């Protein structure tokens, strides 16, 4: 399974950006996909996740009501729609996939995901 993230860039405070993550490889069927981010000097943190089976979503508190994680089932793509961006949202954003079923939800930890994309930089200027 390969994940490819797209869509990072430079945006002003209050602006919006949409990240895309394309999954390919073996016949792809994931349990969940998620987005994480890592700011300079900080640990990678969970941002949002979607459970592929029923579309359930979960967000870290700092992005609730600003970010959404829609999906395209047919294309095996997941997106991160980011609105009202703040300078503290500046980070490298990674998409991740968990292939096998787990009884846990939401999946908020790095170790719960099997595959990772390469990361895309999002910079929010003040």
PDB file of N, CA and C in Angstrom:
ATOM      1  N   UNK A   1       0.852  -1.190   0.000  1.00  0.00           N
ATOM      2  CA  UNK A   1       0.000   0.000   0.000  1.00  0.00           C
ATOM      3  C   UNK A   1       0.884   1.233   0.000  1.00  0.00           C
ATOM      4  N   UNK A   2       0.581   2.139  -0.892  1.00  0.00           N
ATOM      5  CA  UNK A   2       1.318   3.407  -0.929  1.00  0.00           C
ATOM      6  C   UNK A   2       0.333   4.545  -0.705  1.00  0.00           C
ATOM      7  N   UNK A   3       0.774   5.512   0.063  1.00  0.00           N
ATOM      8  CA  UNK A   3      -0.030   6.708   0.303  1.00  0.00           C
ATOM      9  C   UNK A   3       0.740   7.911  -0.217  1.00  0.00           C
ATOM     10  N   UNK A   4       0.026   8.771  -0.909  1.00  0.00           N
ATOM     11  CA  UNK A   4       0.635   9.977  -1.462  1.00  0.00           C
ATOM     12  C   UNK A   4      -0.206  11.166  -1.040  1.00  0.00           C
ATOM     13  N   UNK A   5       0.424  12.095  -0.351  1.00  0.00           N
ATOM     14  CA  UNK A   5      -0.288  13.292   0.109  1.00  0.00           C
ATOM     15  C   UNK A   5       0.010  14.459  -0.817  1.00  0.00           C
ATOM     16  N   UNK A   6      -1.028  15.273  -1.024  1.00  0.00           N
ATOM     17  CA  UNK A   6      -0.921  16.437  -1.901  1.00  0.00           C
ATOM     18  C   UNK A   6      -1.563  17.641  -1.235  1.00  0.00           C
ATOM     19  N   UNK A   7      -1.217  18.815  -1.750  1.00  0.00           N
ATOM     20  CA  UNK A   7      -2.034  19.979  -1.454  1.00  0.00           C
ATOM     21  C   UNK A   7      -1.509  20.952  -0.438  1.00  0.00           C
ATOM     22  N   UNK A   8      -0.344  20.721   0.132  1.00  0.00           N
ATOM     23  CA  UNK A   8       0.183  21.682   1.078  1.00  0.00           C
ATOM     24  C   UNK A   8       0.545  22.992   0.409  1.00  0.00           C
ATOM     25  N   UNK A   9       0.821  23.991   1.227  1.00  0.00           N
ATOM     26  CA  UNK A   9       1.201  25.276   0.682  1.00  0.00           C
ATOM     27  C   UNK A   9       1.232  26.348   1.736  1.00  0.00           C
ATOM     28  N   UNK A  10       1.321  27.585   1.267  1.00  0.00           N
ATOM     29  CA  UNK A  10       1.377  28.760   2.134  1.00  0.00           C
ATOM     30  C   UNK A  10       0.031  29.472   2.065  1.00  0.00           C
ATOM     31  N   UNK A  11      -0.533  29.768   3.235  1.00  0.00           N
ATOM     32  CA  UNK A  11      -1.828  30.436   3.286  1.00  0.00           C
ATOM     33  C   UNK A  11      -1.818  31.425   4.436  1.00  0.00           C
ATOM     34  N   UNK A  12      -2.630  32.466   4.331  1.00  0.00           N
ATOM     35  CA  UNK A  12      -2.696  33.461   5.376  1.00  0.00           C
ATOM     36  C   UNK A  12      -3.646  33.022   6.485  1.00  0.00           C
ATOM     37  N   UNK A  13      -3.467  33.587   7.651  1.00  0.00           N
ATOM     38  CA  UNK A  13      -4.369  33.322   8.768  1.00  0.00           C
ATOM     39  C   UNK A  13      -5.810  33.569   8.345  1.00  0.00           C
ATOM     40  N   UNK A  14      -6.662  32.616   8.703  1.00  0.00           N
ATOM     41  CA  UNK A  14      -8.068  32.707   8.328  1.00  0.00           C
ATOM     42  C   UNK A  14      -8.383  32.080   6.997  1.00  0.00           C
ATOM     43  N   UNK A  15      -7.376  31.670   6.273  1.00  0.00           N
ATOM     44  CA  UNK A  15      -7.566  31.071   4.964  1.00  0.00           C
ATOM     45  C   UNK A  15      -7.930  29.601   5.044  1.00  0.00           C
ATOM     46  N   UNK A  16      -7.979  28.975   3.867  1.00  0.00           N
ATOM     47  CA  UNK A  16      -8.356  27.567   3.822  1.00  0.00           C
ATOM     48  C   UNK A  16      -7.438  26.825   2.868  1.00  0.00           C
ATOM     49  N   UNK A  17      -7.404  25.514   3.053  1.00  0.00           N
ATOM     50  CA  UNK A  17      -6.567  24.635   2.249  1.00  0.00           C
ATOM     51  C   UNK A  17      -7.158  23.241   2.333  1.00  0.00           C
ATOM     52  N   UNK A  18      -7.056  22.488   1.258  1.00  0.00           N
ATOM     53  CA  UNK A  18      -7.509  21.107   1.264  1.00  0.00           C
ATOM     54  C   UNK A  18      -6.355  20.192   0.898  1.00  0.00           C
ATOM     55  N   UNK A  19      -6.069  19.260   1.773  1.00  0.00           N
ATOM     56  CA  UNK A  19      -5.066  18.235   1.517  1.00  0.00           C
ATOM     57  C   UNK A  19      -5.747  16.989   0.977  1.00  0.00           C
ATOM     58  N   UNK A  20      -5.043  16.286   0.108  1.00  0.00           N
ATOM     59  CA  UNK A  20      -5.558  15.044  -0.453  1.00  0.00           C
ATOM     60  C   UNK A  20      -4.574  13.922  -0.172  1.00  0.00           C
ATOM     61  N   UNK A  21      -5.101  12.737  -0.005  1.00  0.00           N
ATOM     62  CA  UNK A  21      -4.262  11.565   0.211  1.00  0.00           C
ATOM     63  C   UNK A  21      -4.791  10.437  -0.664  1.00  0.00           C
ATOM     64  N   UNK A  22      -3.949   9.972  -1.571  1.00  0.00           N
ATOM     65  CA  UNK A  22      -4.320   8.898  -2.484  1.00  0.00           C
ATOM     66  C   UNK A  22      -3.712   7.590  -2.013  1.00  0.00           C
ATOM     67  N   UNK A  23      -4.542   6.569  -1.911  1.00  0.00           N
ATOM     68  CA  UNK A  23      -4.079   5.237  -1.520  1.00  0.00           C
ATOM     69  C   UNK A  23      -4.032   4.344  -2.744  1.00  0.00           C
ATOM     70  N   UNK A  24      -2.962   3.601  -2.892  1.00  0.00           N
ATOM     71  CA  UNK A  24      -2.828   2.695  -4.032  1.00  0.00           C
ATOM     72  C   UNK A  24      -2.023   1.475  -3.605  1.00  0.00           C
ATOM     73  N   UNK A  25      -1.898   0.531  -4.511  1.00  0.00           N
ATOM     74  CA  UNK A  25      -1.155  -0.676  -4.208  1.00  0.00           C
ATOM     75  C   UNK A  25      -2.044  -1.894  -4.332  1.00  0.00           C
ATOM     76  N   UNK A  26      -1.952  -2.766  -3.350  1.00  0.00           N
ATOM     77  CA  UNK A  26      -2.793  -3.957  -3.388  1.00  0.00           C
ATOM     78  C   UNK A  26      -4.243  -3.525  -3.314  1.00  0.00           C
ATOM     79  N   UNK A  27      -5.141  -4.446  -3.580  1.00  0.00           N
ATOM     80  CA  UNK A  27      -6.557  -4.107  -3.492  1.00  0.00           C
ATOM     81  C   UNK A  27      -6.795  -3.468  -2.138  1.00  0.00           C
ATOM     82  N   UNK A  28      -7.069  -2.222  -2.169  1.00  0.00           N
ATOM     83  CA  UNK A  28      -7.029  -1.447  -0.949  1.00  0.00           C
ATOM     84  C   UNK A  28      -8.350  -1.481  -0.220  1.00  0.00           C
ATOM     85  N   UNK A  29      -8.281  -1.914   1.011  1.00  0.00           N
ATOM     86  CA  UNK A  29      -9.457  -1.868   1.869  1.00  0.00           C
ATOM     87  C   UNK A  29      -8.956  -1.579   3.269  1.00  0.00           C
ATOM     88  N   UNK A  30      -9.206  -0.397   3.717  1.00  0.00           N
ATOM     89  CA  UNK A  30      -8.661  -0.016   5.006  1.00  0.00           C
ATOM     90  C   UNK A  30      -9.751   0.011   6.065  1.00  0.00           C
ATOM     91  N   UNK A  31      -9.343  -0.119   7.280  1.00  0.00           N
ATOM     92  CA  UNK A  31     -10.254   0.046   8.411  1.00  0.00           C
ATOM     93  C   UNK A  31     -10.445   1.520   8.723  1.00  0.00           C
ATOM     94  N   UNK A  32      -9.338   2.254   8.651  1.00  0.00           N
ATOM     95  CA  UNK A  32      -9.417   3.676   8.956  1.00  0.00           C
ATOM     96  C   UNK A  32      -8.267   4.401   8.292  1.00  0.00           C
ATOM     97  N   UNK A  33      -8.478   5.695   8.071  1.00  0.00           N
ATOM     98  CA  UNK A  33      -7.398   6.552   7.603  1.00  0.00           C
ATOM     99  C   UNK A  33      -7.372   7.795   8.467  1.00  0.00           C
ATOM    100  N   UNK A  34      -6.200   8.357   8.601  1.00  0.00           N
ATOM    101  CA  UNK A  34      -6.068   9.496   9.477  1.00  0.00           C
ATOM    102  C   UNK A  34      -5.072  10.508   8.960  1.00  0.00           C
ATOM    103  N   UNK A  35      -5.114  11.666   9.583  1.00  0.00           N
ATOM    104  CA  UNK A  35      -4.145  12.729   9.322  1.00  0.00           C
ATOM    105  C   UNK A  35      -3.438  13.076  10.633  1.00  0.00           C
ATOM    106  N   UNK A  36      -2.139  13.213  10.525  1.00  0.00           N
ATOM    107  CA  UNK A  36      -1.309  13.658  11.634  1.00  0.00           C
ATOM    108  C   UNK A  36      -0.527  14.874  11.167  1.00  0.00           C
ATOM    109  N   UNK A  37       0.065  15.590  12.102  1.00  0.00           N
ATOM    110  CA  UNK A  37       0.923  16.715  11.740  1.00  0.00           C
ATOM    111  C   UNK A  37       2.081  16.816  12.719  1.00  0.00           C
ATOM    112  N   UNK A  38       3.166  17.392  12.215  1.00  0.00           N
ATOM    113  CA  UNK A  38       4.347  17.572  13.045  1.00  0.00           C
ATOM    114  C   UNK A  38       4.918  18.957  12.793  1.00  0.00           C
ATOM    115  N   UNK A  39       4.895  19.771  13.828  1.00  0.00           N
ATOM    116  CA  UNK A  39       5.468  21.102  13.758  1.00  0.00           C
ATOM    117  C   UNK A  39       6.947  21.026  14.141  1.00  0.00           C
ATOM    118  N   UNK A  40       7.749  21.993  13.726  1.00  0.00           N
ATOM    119  CA  UNK A  40       9.176  21.977  14.056  1.00  0.00           C
ATOM    120  C   UNK A  40       9.412  21.891  15.557  1.00  0.00           C
ATOM    121  N   UNK A  41      10.246  20.949  15.942  1.00  0.00           N
ATOM    122  CA  UNK A  41      10.587  20.802  17.343  1.00  0.00           C
ATOM    123  C   UNK A  41       9.545  20.123  18.196  1.00  0.00           C
ATOM    124  N   UNK A  42       8.472  19.654  17.560  1.00  0.00           N
ATOM    125  CA  UNK A  42       7.398  19.004  18.311  1.00  0.00           C
ATOM    126  C   UNK A  42       7.190  17.584  17.827  1.00  0.00           C
ATOM    127  N   UNK A  43       6.517  16.810  18.653  1.00  0.00           N
ATOM    128  CA  UNK A  43       6.197  15.445  18.268  1.00  0.00           C
ATOM    129  C   UNK A  43       5.021  15.444  17.284  1.00  0.00           C
ATOM    130  N   UNK A  44       4.954  14.369  16.522  1.00  0.00           N
ATOM    131  CA  UNK A  44       3.841  14.202  15.609  1.00  0.00           C
ATOM    132  C   UNK A  44       2.561  14.055  16.411  1.00  0.00           C
ATOM    133  N   UNK A  45       1.518  14.760  15.988  1.00  0.00           N
ATOM    134  CA  UNK A  45       0.268  14.699  16.729  1.00  0.00           C
ATOM    135  C   UNK A  45      -0.890  14.323  15.807  1.00  0.00           C
ATOM    136  N   UNK A  46      -1.869  13.666  16.397  1.00  0.00           N
ATOM    137  CA  UNK A  46      -3.071  13.280  15.682  1.00  0.00           C
ATOM    138  C   UNK A  46      -3.908  14.513  15.358  1.00  0.00           C
ATOM    139  N   UNK A  47      -4.523  14.488  14.175  1.00  0.00           N
ATOM    140  CA  UNK A  47      -5.397  15.582  13.770  1.00  0.00           C
ATOM    141  C   UNK A  47      -6.831  15.086  13.563  1.00  0.00           C
ATOM    142  N   UNK A  48      -7.000  14.070  12.718  1.00  0.00           N
ATOM    143  CA  UNK A  48      -8.344  13.614  12.378  1.00  0.00           C
ATOM    144  C   UNK A  48      -8.268  12.203  11.831  1.00  0.00           C
ATOM    145  N   UNK A  49      -9.387  11.482  11.953  1.00  0.00           N
ATOM    146  CA  UNK A  49      -9.453  10.124  11.417  1.00  0.00           C
ATOM    147  C   UNK A  49     -10.855   9.833  10.932  1.00  0.00           C
ATOM    148  N   UNK A  50     -10.942   8.915   9.978  1.00  0.00           N
ATOM    149  CA  UNK A  50     -12.226   8.456   9.476  1.00  0.00           C
ATOM    150  C   UNK A  50     -12.206   6.932   9.405  1.00  0.00           C
ATOM    151  N   UNK A  51     -13.268   6.333   9.894  1.00  0.00           N
ATOM    152  CA  UNK A  51     -13.400   4.889   9.820  1.00  0.00           C
ATOM    153  C   UNK A  51     -14.084   4.548   8.510  1.00  0.00           C
ATOM    154  N   UNK A  52     -13.398   3.760   7.703  1.00  0.00           N
ATOM    155  CA  UNK A  52     -13.850   3.541   6.333  1.00  0.00           C
ATOM    156  C   UNK A  52     -15.173   2.789   6.283  1.00  0.00           C
ATOM    157  N   UNK A  53     -15.419   1.922   7.257  1.00  0.00           N
ATOM    158  CA  UNK A  53     -16.595   1.066   7.197  1.00  0.00           C
ATOM    159  C   UNK A  53     -17.898   1.850   7.297  1.00  0.00           C
ATOM    160  N   UNK A  54     -17.933   2.869   8.128  1.00  0.00           N
ATOM    161  CA  UNK A  54     -19.194   3.585   8.326  1.00  0.00           C
ATOM    162  C   UNK A  54     -19.076   5.096   8.250  1.00  0.00           C
ATOM    163  N   UNK A  55     -17.874   5.585   7.957  1.00  0.00           N
ATOM    164  CA  UNK A  55     -17.711   7.023   7.810  1.00  0.00           C
ATOM    165  C   UNK A  55     -17.603   7.799   9.109  1.00  0.00           C
ATOM    166  N   UNK A  56     -17.509   7.097  10.236  1.00  0.00           N
ATOM    167  CA  UNK A  56     -17.344   7.807  11.507  1.00  0.00           C
ATOM    168  C   UNK A  56     -16.061   8.620  11.483  1.00  0.00           C
ATOM    169  N   UNK A  57     -16.121   9.801  12.060  1.00  0.00           N
ATOM    170  CA  UNK A  57     -14.959  10.680  12.088  1.00  0.00           C
ATOM    171  C   UNK A  57     -14.625  11.094  13.515  1.00  0.00           C
ATOM    172  N   UNK A  58     -13.398  11.516  13.688  1.00  0.00           N
ATOM    173  CA  UNK A  58     -12.953  11.990  14.997  1.00  0.00           C
ATOM    174  C   UNK A  58     -11.882  13.046  14.785  1.00  0.00           C
ATOM    175  N   UNK A  59     -11.912  14.087  15.609  1.00  0.00           N
ATOM    176  CA  UNK A  59     -10.985  15.204  15.470  1.00  0.00           C
ATOM    177  C   UNK A  59     -10.357  15.559  16.798  1.00  0.00           C
ATOM    178  N   UNK A  60      -9.126  16.008  16.741  1.00  0.00           N
ATOM    179  CA  UNK A  60      -8.509  16.572  17.930  1.00  0.00           C
ATOM    180  C   UNK A  60      -9.238  17.879  18.243  1.00  0.00           C
ATOM    181  N   UNK A  61      -9.321  18.220  19.512  1.00  0.00           N
ATOM    182  CA  UNK A  61     -10.112  19.388  19.925  1.00  0.00           C
ATOM    183  C   UNK A  61      -9.687  20.668  19.213  1.00  0.00           C
ATOM    184  N   UNK A  62      -8.395  20.822  18.961  1.00  0.00           N
ATOM    185  CA  UNK A  62      -7.893  22.079  18.412  1.00  0.00           C
ATOM    186  C   UNK A  62      -8.348  22.342  16.976  1.00  0.00           C
ATOM    187  N   UNK A  63      -8.878  21.334  16.290  1.00  0.00           N
ATOM    188  CA  UNK A  63      -9.315  21.541  14.910  1.00  0.00           C
ATOM    189  C   UNK A  63     -10.810  21.312  14.719  1.00  0.00           C
ATOM    190  N   UNK A  64     -11.488  20.927  15.767  1.00  0.00           N
ATOM    191  CA  UNK A  64     -12.936  20.719  15.647  1.00  0.00           C
ATOM    192  C   UNK A  64     -13.602  21.994  15.160  1.00  0.00           C
ATOM    193  N   UNK A  65     -14.597  21.834  14.327  1.00  0.00           N
ATOM    194  CA  UNK A  65     -15.370  22.946  13.746  1.00  0.00           C
ATOM    195  C   UNK A  65     -14.572  23.740  12.724  1.00  0.00           C
ATOM    196  N   UNK A  66     -13.314  23.374  12.483  1.00  0.00           N
ATOM    197  CA  UNK A  66     -12.521  24.035  11.449  1.00  0.00           C
ATOM    198  C   UNK A  66     -12.095  23.071  10.350  1.00  0.00           C
ATOM    199  N   UNK A  67     -11.779  21.831  10.714  1.00  0.00           N
ATOM    200  CA  UNK A  67     -11.299  20.826   9.769  1.00  0.00           C
ATOM    201  C   UNK A  67     -12.356  19.754   9.586  1.00  0.00           C
ATOM    202  N   UNK A  68     -12.405  19.186   8.384  1.00  0.00           N
ATOM    203  CA  UNK A  68     -13.208  17.991   8.139  1.00  0.00           C
ATOM    204  C   UNK A  68     -12.386  16.992   7.348  1.00  0.00           C
ATOM    205  N   UNK A  69     -12.775  15.709   7.436  1.00  0.00           N
ATOM    206  CA  UNK A  69     -12.024  14.630   6.781  1.00  0.00           C
ATOM    207  C   UNK A  69     -12.987  13.830   5.904  1.00  0.00           C
ATOM    208  N   UNK A  70     -13.334  14.358   4.731  1.00  0.00           N
ATOM    209  CA  UNK A  70     -14.191  13.601   3.819  1.00  0.00           C
ATOM    210  C   UNK A  70     -13.394  12.551   3.057  1.00  0.00           C
ATOM    211  N   UNK A  71     -14.095  11.657   2.413  1.00  0.00           N
ATOM    212  CA  UNK A  71     -13.439  10.580   1.679  1.00  0.00           C
ATOM    213  C   UNK A  71     -14.117  10.397   0.332  1.00  0.00           C
ATOM    214  N   UNK A  72     -13.406   9.711  -0.549  1.00  0.00           N
ATOM    215  CA  UNK A  72     -13.957   9.284  -1.836  1.00  0.00           C
ATOM    216  C   UNK A  72     -13.763   7.779  -1.901  1.00  0.00           C
ATOM    217  N   UNK A  73     -14.831   7.048  -1.655  1.00  0.00           N
ATOM    218  CA  UNK A  73     -14.730   5.584  -1.606  1.00  0.00           C
ATOM    219  C   UNK A  73     -14.242   4.997  -2.930  1.00  0.00           C
ATOM    220  N   UNK A  74     -14.759   5.518  -4.006  1.00  0.00           N
ATOM    221  CA  UNK A  74     -14.442   4.942  -5.317  1.00  0.00           C
ATOM    222  C   UNK A  74     -12.963   5.109  -5.662  1.00  0.00           C
ATOM    223  N   UNK A  75     -12.384   6.218  -5.262  1.00  0.00           N
ATOM    224  CA  UNK A  75     -10.998   6.506  -5.604  1.00  0.00           C
ATOM    225  C   UNK A  75     -10.025   6.105  -4.499  1.00  0.00           C
ATOM    226  N   UNK A  76     -10.540   5.723  -3.327  1.00  0.00           N
ATOM    227  CA  UNK A  76      -9.673   5.450  -2.170  1.00  0.00           C
ATOM    228  C   UNK A  76      -8.831   6.673  -1.810  1.00  0.00           C
ATOM    229  N   UNK A  77      -9.477   7.810  -1.838  1.00  0.00           N
ATOM    230  CA  UNK A  77      -8.820   9.038  -1.433  1.00  0.00           C
ATOM    231  C   UNK A  77      -9.464   9.538  -0.142  1.00  0.00           C
ATOM    232  N   UNK A  78      -8.668  10.180   0.667  1.00  0.00           N
ATOM    233  CA  UNK A  78      -9.179  10.865   1.835  1.00  0.00           C
ATOM    234  C   UNK A  78      -8.639  12.298   1.788  1.00  0.00           C
ATOM    235  N   UNK A  79      -9.408  13.211   2.314  1.00  0.00           N
ATOM    236  CA  UNK A  79      -9.050  14.620   2.251  1.00  0.00           C
ATOM    237  C   UNK A  79      -9.008  15.218   3.656  1.00  0.00           C
ATOM    238  N   UNK A  80      -8.373  16.338   3.773  1.00  0.00           N
ATOM    239  CA  UNK A  80      -8.431  17.121   4.995  1.00  0.00           C
ATOM    240  C   UNK A  80      -8.749  18.550   4.577  1.00  0.00           C
ATOM    241  N   UNK A  81      -9.994  18.922   4.800  1.00  0.00           N
ATOM    242  CA  UNK A  81     -10.418  20.275   4.475  1.00  0.00           C
ATOM    243  C   UNK A  81     -10.177  21.158   5.692  1.00  0.00           C
ATOM    244  N   UNK A  82      -9.347  22.155   5.512  1.00  0.00           N
ATOM    245  CA  UNK A  82      -8.924  22.994   6.625  1.00  0.00           C
ATOM    246  C   UNK A  82      -9.406  24.420   6.398  1.00  0.00           C
ATOM    247  N   UNK A  83     -10.219  24.907   7.322  1.00  0.00           N
ATOM    248  CA  UNK A  83     -10.746  26.261   7.257  1.00  0.00           C
ATOM    249  C   UNK A  83     -10.273  27.056   8.462  1.00  0.00           C
ATOM    250  N   UNK A  84     -10.405  28.368   8.358  1.00  0.00           N
ATOM    251  CA  UNK A  84     -10.028  29.255   9.465  1.00  0.00           C
ATOM    252  C   UNK A  84      -8.643  28.913  10.005  1.00  0.00           C
ATOM    253  N   UNK A  85      -7.702  28.778   9.121  1.00  0.00           N
ATOM    254  CA  UNK A  85      -6.363  28.344   9.515  1.00  0.00           C
ATOM    255  C   UNK A  85      -5.678  29.365  10.408  1.00  0.00           C
ATOM    256  N   UNK A  86      -4.880  28.839  11.326  1.00  0.00           N
ATOM    257  CA  UNK A  86      -4.159  29.645  12.297  1.00  0.00           C
ATOM    258  C   UNK A  86      -2.669  29.367  12.160  1.00  0.00           C
ATOM    259  N   UNK A  87      -1.823  30.288  12.587  1.00  0.00           N
ATOM    260  CA  UNK A  87      -0.377  30.024  12.526  1.00  0.00           C
ATOM    261  C   UNK A  87       0.020  28.746  13.247  1.00  0.00           C
ATOM    262  N   UNK A  88      -0.678  28.396  14.309  1.00  0.00           N
ATOM    263  CA  UNK A  88      -0.348  27.164  15.040  1.00  0.00           C
ATOM    264  C   UNK A  88      -0.713  25.895  14.278  1.00  0.00           C
ATOM    265  N   UNK A  89      -1.381  26.026  13.147  1.00  0.00           N
ATOM    266  CA  UNK A  89      -1.635  24.871  12.286  1.00  0.00           C
ATOM    267  C   UNK A  89      -0.449  24.570  11.369  1.00  0.00           C
ATOM    268  N   UNK A  90       0.545  25.436  11.383  1.00  0.00           N
ATOM    269  CA  UNK A  90       1.729  25.226  10.550  1.00  0.00           C
ATOM    270  C   UNK A  90       2.438  23.938  10.962  1.00  0.00           C
ATOM    271  N   UNK A  91       2.644  23.057   9.998  1.00  0.00           N
ATOM    272  CA  UNK A  91       3.262  21.762  10.267  1.00  0.00           C
ATOM    273  C   UNK A  91       3.398  20.989   8.956  1.00  0.00           C
ATOM    274  N   UNK A  92       4.120  19.899   9.035  1.00  0.00           N
ATOM    275  CA  UNK A  92       4.079  18.905   7.955  1.00  0.00           C
ATOM    276  C   UNK A  92       2.934  17.955   8.270  1.00  0.00           C
ATOM    277  N   UNK A  93       2.062  17.774   7.317  1.00  0.00           N
ATOM    278  CA  UNK A  93       0.885  16.935   7.503  1.00  0.00           C
ATOM    279  C   UNK A  93       1.094  15.589   6.819  1.00  0.00           C
ATOM    280  N   UNK A  94       0.761  14.535   7.539  1.00  0.00           N
ATOM    281  CA  UNK A  94       0.922  13.167   7.052  1.00  0.00           C
ATOM    282  C   UNK A  94      -0.426  12.463   7.038  1.00  0.00           C
ATOM    283  N   UNK A  95      -0.672  11.697   5.986  1.00  0.00           N
ATOM    284  CA  UNK A  95      -1.821  10.806   6.013  1.00  0.00           C
ATOM    285  C   UNK A  95      -1.343   9.405   6.358  1.00  0.00           C
ATOM    286  N   UNK A  96      -2.238   8.636   6.937  1.00  0.00           N
ATOM    287  CA  UNK A  96      -1.897   7.299   7.399  1.00  0.00           C
ATOM    288  C   UNK A  96      -3.086   6.376   7.212  1.00  0.00           C
ATOM    289  N   UNK A  97      -2.811   5.090   7.116  1.00  0.00           N
ATOM    290  CA  UNK A  97      -3.869   4.105   6.929  1.00  0.00           C
ATOM    291  C   UNK A  97      -3.685   2.930   7.870  1.00  0.00           C
ATOM    292  N   UNK A  98      -4.789   2.478   8.407  1.00  0.00           N
ATOM    293  CA  UNK A  98      -4.821   1.245   9.180  1.00  0.00           C
ATOM    294  C   UNK A  98      -5.611   0.244   8.356  1.00  0.00           C
ATOM    295  N   UNK A  99      -4.988  -0.862   7.976  1.00  0.00           N
ATOM    296  CA  UNK A  99      -5.637  -1.798   7.065  1.00  0.00           C
ATOM    297  C   UNK A  99      -6.512  -2.796   7.815  1.00  0.00           C
ATOM    298  N   UNK A 100      -5.990  -3.376   8.856  1.00  0.00           N
ATOM    299  CA  UNK A 100      -6.702  -4.457   9.523  1.00  0.00           C
ATOM    300  C   UNK A 100      -7.692  -3.936  10.554  1.00  0.00           C
ATOM    301  N   UNK A 101      -8.741  -4.709  10.724  1.00  0.00           N
ATOM    302  CA  UNK A 101      -9.757  -4.356  11.702  1.00  0.00           C
ATOM    303  C   UNK A 101      -9.167  -4.338  13.106  1.00  0.00           C
ATOM    304  N   UNK A 102      -9.613  -3.392  13.867  1.00  0.00           N
ATOM    305  CA  UNK A 102      -9.314  -3.368  15.293  1.00  0.00           C
ATOM    306  C   UNK A 102     -10.575  -2.924  16.000  1.00  0.00           C
ATOM    307  N   UNK A 103     -10.773  -3.407  17.193  1.00  0.00           N
ATOM    308  CA  UNK A 103     -11.951  -2.999  17.943  1.00  0.00           C
ATOM    309  C   UNK A 103     -11.833  -1.596  18.490  1.00  0.00           C
ATOM    310  N   UNK A 104     -10.670  -0.995  18.345  1.00  0.00           N
ATOM    311  CA  UNK A 104     -10.465   0.344  18.889  1.00  0.00           C
ATOM    312  C   UNK A 104     -10.988   1.412  17.937  1.00  0.00           C
ATOM    313  N   UNK A 105     -11.522   2.446  18.501  1.00  0.00           N
ATOM    314  CA  UNK A 105     -11.913   3.643  17.770  1.00  0.00           C
ATOM    315  C   UNK A 105     -12.109   4.754  18.779  1.00  0.00           C
ATOM    316  N   UNK A 106     -11.638   5.944  18.490  1.00  0.00           N
ATOM    317  CA  UNK A 106     -10.856   6.324  17.315  1.00  0.00           C
ATOM    318  C   UNK A 106      -9.394   5.903  17.427  1.00  0.00           C
ATOM    319  N   UNK A 107      -8.726   5.881  16.315  1.00  0.00           N
ATOM    320  CA  UNK A 107      -7.315   5.565  16.267  1.00  0.00           C
ATOM    321  C   UNK A 107      -6.535   6.868  16.273  1.00  0.00           C
ATOM    322  N   UNK A 108      -5.911   7.165  17.385  1.00  0.00           N
ATOM    323  CA  UNK A 108      -5.264   8.459  17.568  1.00  0.00           C
ATOM    324  C   UNK A 108      -3.753   8.367  17.752  1.00  0.00           C
ATOM    325  N   UNK A 109      -3.215   7.155  17.772  1.00  0.00           N
ATOM    326  CA  UNK A 109      -1.794   6.991  18.034  1.00  0.00           C
ATOM    327  C   UNK A 109      -1.058   6.557  16.790  1.00  0.00           C
ATOM    328  N   UNK A 110       0.211   6.992  16.676  1.00  0.00           N
ATOM    329  CA  UNK A 110       1.024   6.622  15.519  1.00  0.00           C
ATOM    330  C   UNK A 110       1.059   5.113  15.296  1.00  0.00           C
ATOM    331  N   UNK A 111       1.208   4.373  16.391  1.00  0.00           N
ATOM    332  CA  UNK A 111       1.440   2.942  16.264  1.00  0.00           C
ATOM    333  C   UNK A 111       0.195   2.177  15.800  1.00  0.00           C
ATOM    334  N   UNK A 112      -0.943   2.851  15.789  1.00  0.00           N
ATOM    335  CA  UNK A 112      -2.169   2.177  15.345  1.00  0.00           C
ATOM    336  C   UNK A 112      -2.320   2.181  13.836  1.00  0.00           C
ATOM    337  N   UNK A 113      -1.427   2.847  13.129  1.00  0.00           N
ATOM    338  CA  UNK A 113      -1.499   2.938  11.677  1.00  0.00           C
ATOM    339  C   UNK A 113      -0.347   2.163  11.046  1.00  0.00           C
ATOM    340  N   UNK A 114      -0.645   1.517   9.912  1.00  0.00           N
ATOM    341  CA  UNK A 114       0.322   0.641   9.259  1.00  0.00           C
ATOM    342  C   UNK A 114       1.123   1.347   8.170  1.00  0.00           C
ATOM    343  N   UNK A 115       0.505   2.271   7.466  1.00  0.00           N
ATOM    344  CA  UNK A 115       1.127   2.891   6.302  1.00  0.00           C
ATOM    345  C   UNK A 115       1.051   4.409   6.426  1.00  0.00           C
ATOM    346  N   UNK A 116       2.078   5.043   5.880  1.00  0.00           N
ATOM    347  CA  UNK A 116       2.186   6.497   5.987  1.00  0.00           C
ATOM    348  C   UNK A 116       2.551   7.114   4.650  1.00  0.00           C
ATOM    349  N   UNK A 117       2.004   8.276   4.401  1.00  0.00           N
ATOM    350  CA  UNK A 117       2.420   9.060   3.254  1.00  0.00           C
ATOM    351  C   UNK A 117       3.670   9.854   3.583  1.00  0.00           C
ATOM    352  N   UNK A 118       4.177  10.571   2.614  1.00  0.00           N
ATOM    353  CA  UNK A 118       5.460  11.247   2.748  1.00  0.00           C
ATOM    354  C   UNK A 118       5.372  12.598   3.432  1.00  0.00           C
ATOM    355  N   UNK A 119       4.197  13.141   3.627  1.00  0.00           N
ATOM    356  CA  UNK A 119       4.084  14.438   4.284  1.00  0.00           C
ATOM    357  C   UNK A 119       4.009  15.576   3.302  1.00  0.00           C
ATOM    358  N   UNK A 120       3.226  16.585   3.659  1.00  0.00           N
ATOM    359  CA  UNK A 120       3.114  17.790   2.845  1.00  0.00           C
ATOM    360  C   UNK A 120       3.098  18.992   3.784  1.00  0.00           C
ATOM    361  N   UNK A 121       3.856  20.019   3.426  1.00  0.00           N
ATOM    362  CA  UNK A 121       4.041  21.174   4.311  1.00  0.00           C
ATOM    363  C   UNK A 121       2.864  22.140   4.194  1.00  0.00           C
ATOM    364  N   UNK A 122       2.353  22.531   5.347  1.00  0.00           N
ATOM    365  CA  UNK A 122       1.337  23.586   5.428  1.00  0.00           C
ATOM    366  C   UNK A 122       1.916  24.708   6.273  1.00  0.00           C
ATOM    367  N   UNK A 123       1.953  25.897   5.716  1.00  0.00           N
ATOM    368  CA  UNK A 123       2.464  27.057   6.435  1.00  0.00           C
ATOM    369  C   UNK A 123       1.391  28.134   6.462  1.00  0.00           C
ATOM    370  N   UNK A 124       1.056  28.571   7.667  1.00  0.00           N
ATOM    371  CA  UNK A 124       0.038  29.613   7.835  1.00  0.00           C
ATOM    372  C   UNK A 124       0.736  30.872   8.338  1.00  0.00           C
ATOM    373  N   UNK A 125       0.686  31.913   7.545  1.00  0.00           N
ATOM    374  CA  UNK A 125       1.351  33.160   7.921  1.00  0.00           C
ATOM    375  C   UNK A 125       0.404  34.049   8.706  1.00  0.00           C
ATOM    376  N   UNK A 126       0.984  34.796   9.630  1.00  0.00           N
ATOM    377  CA  UNK A 126       0.172  35.677  10.476  1.00  0.00           C
ATOM    378  C   UNK A 126      -0.013  37.035   9.823  1.00  0.00           C
TER     379      UNK A 126
END
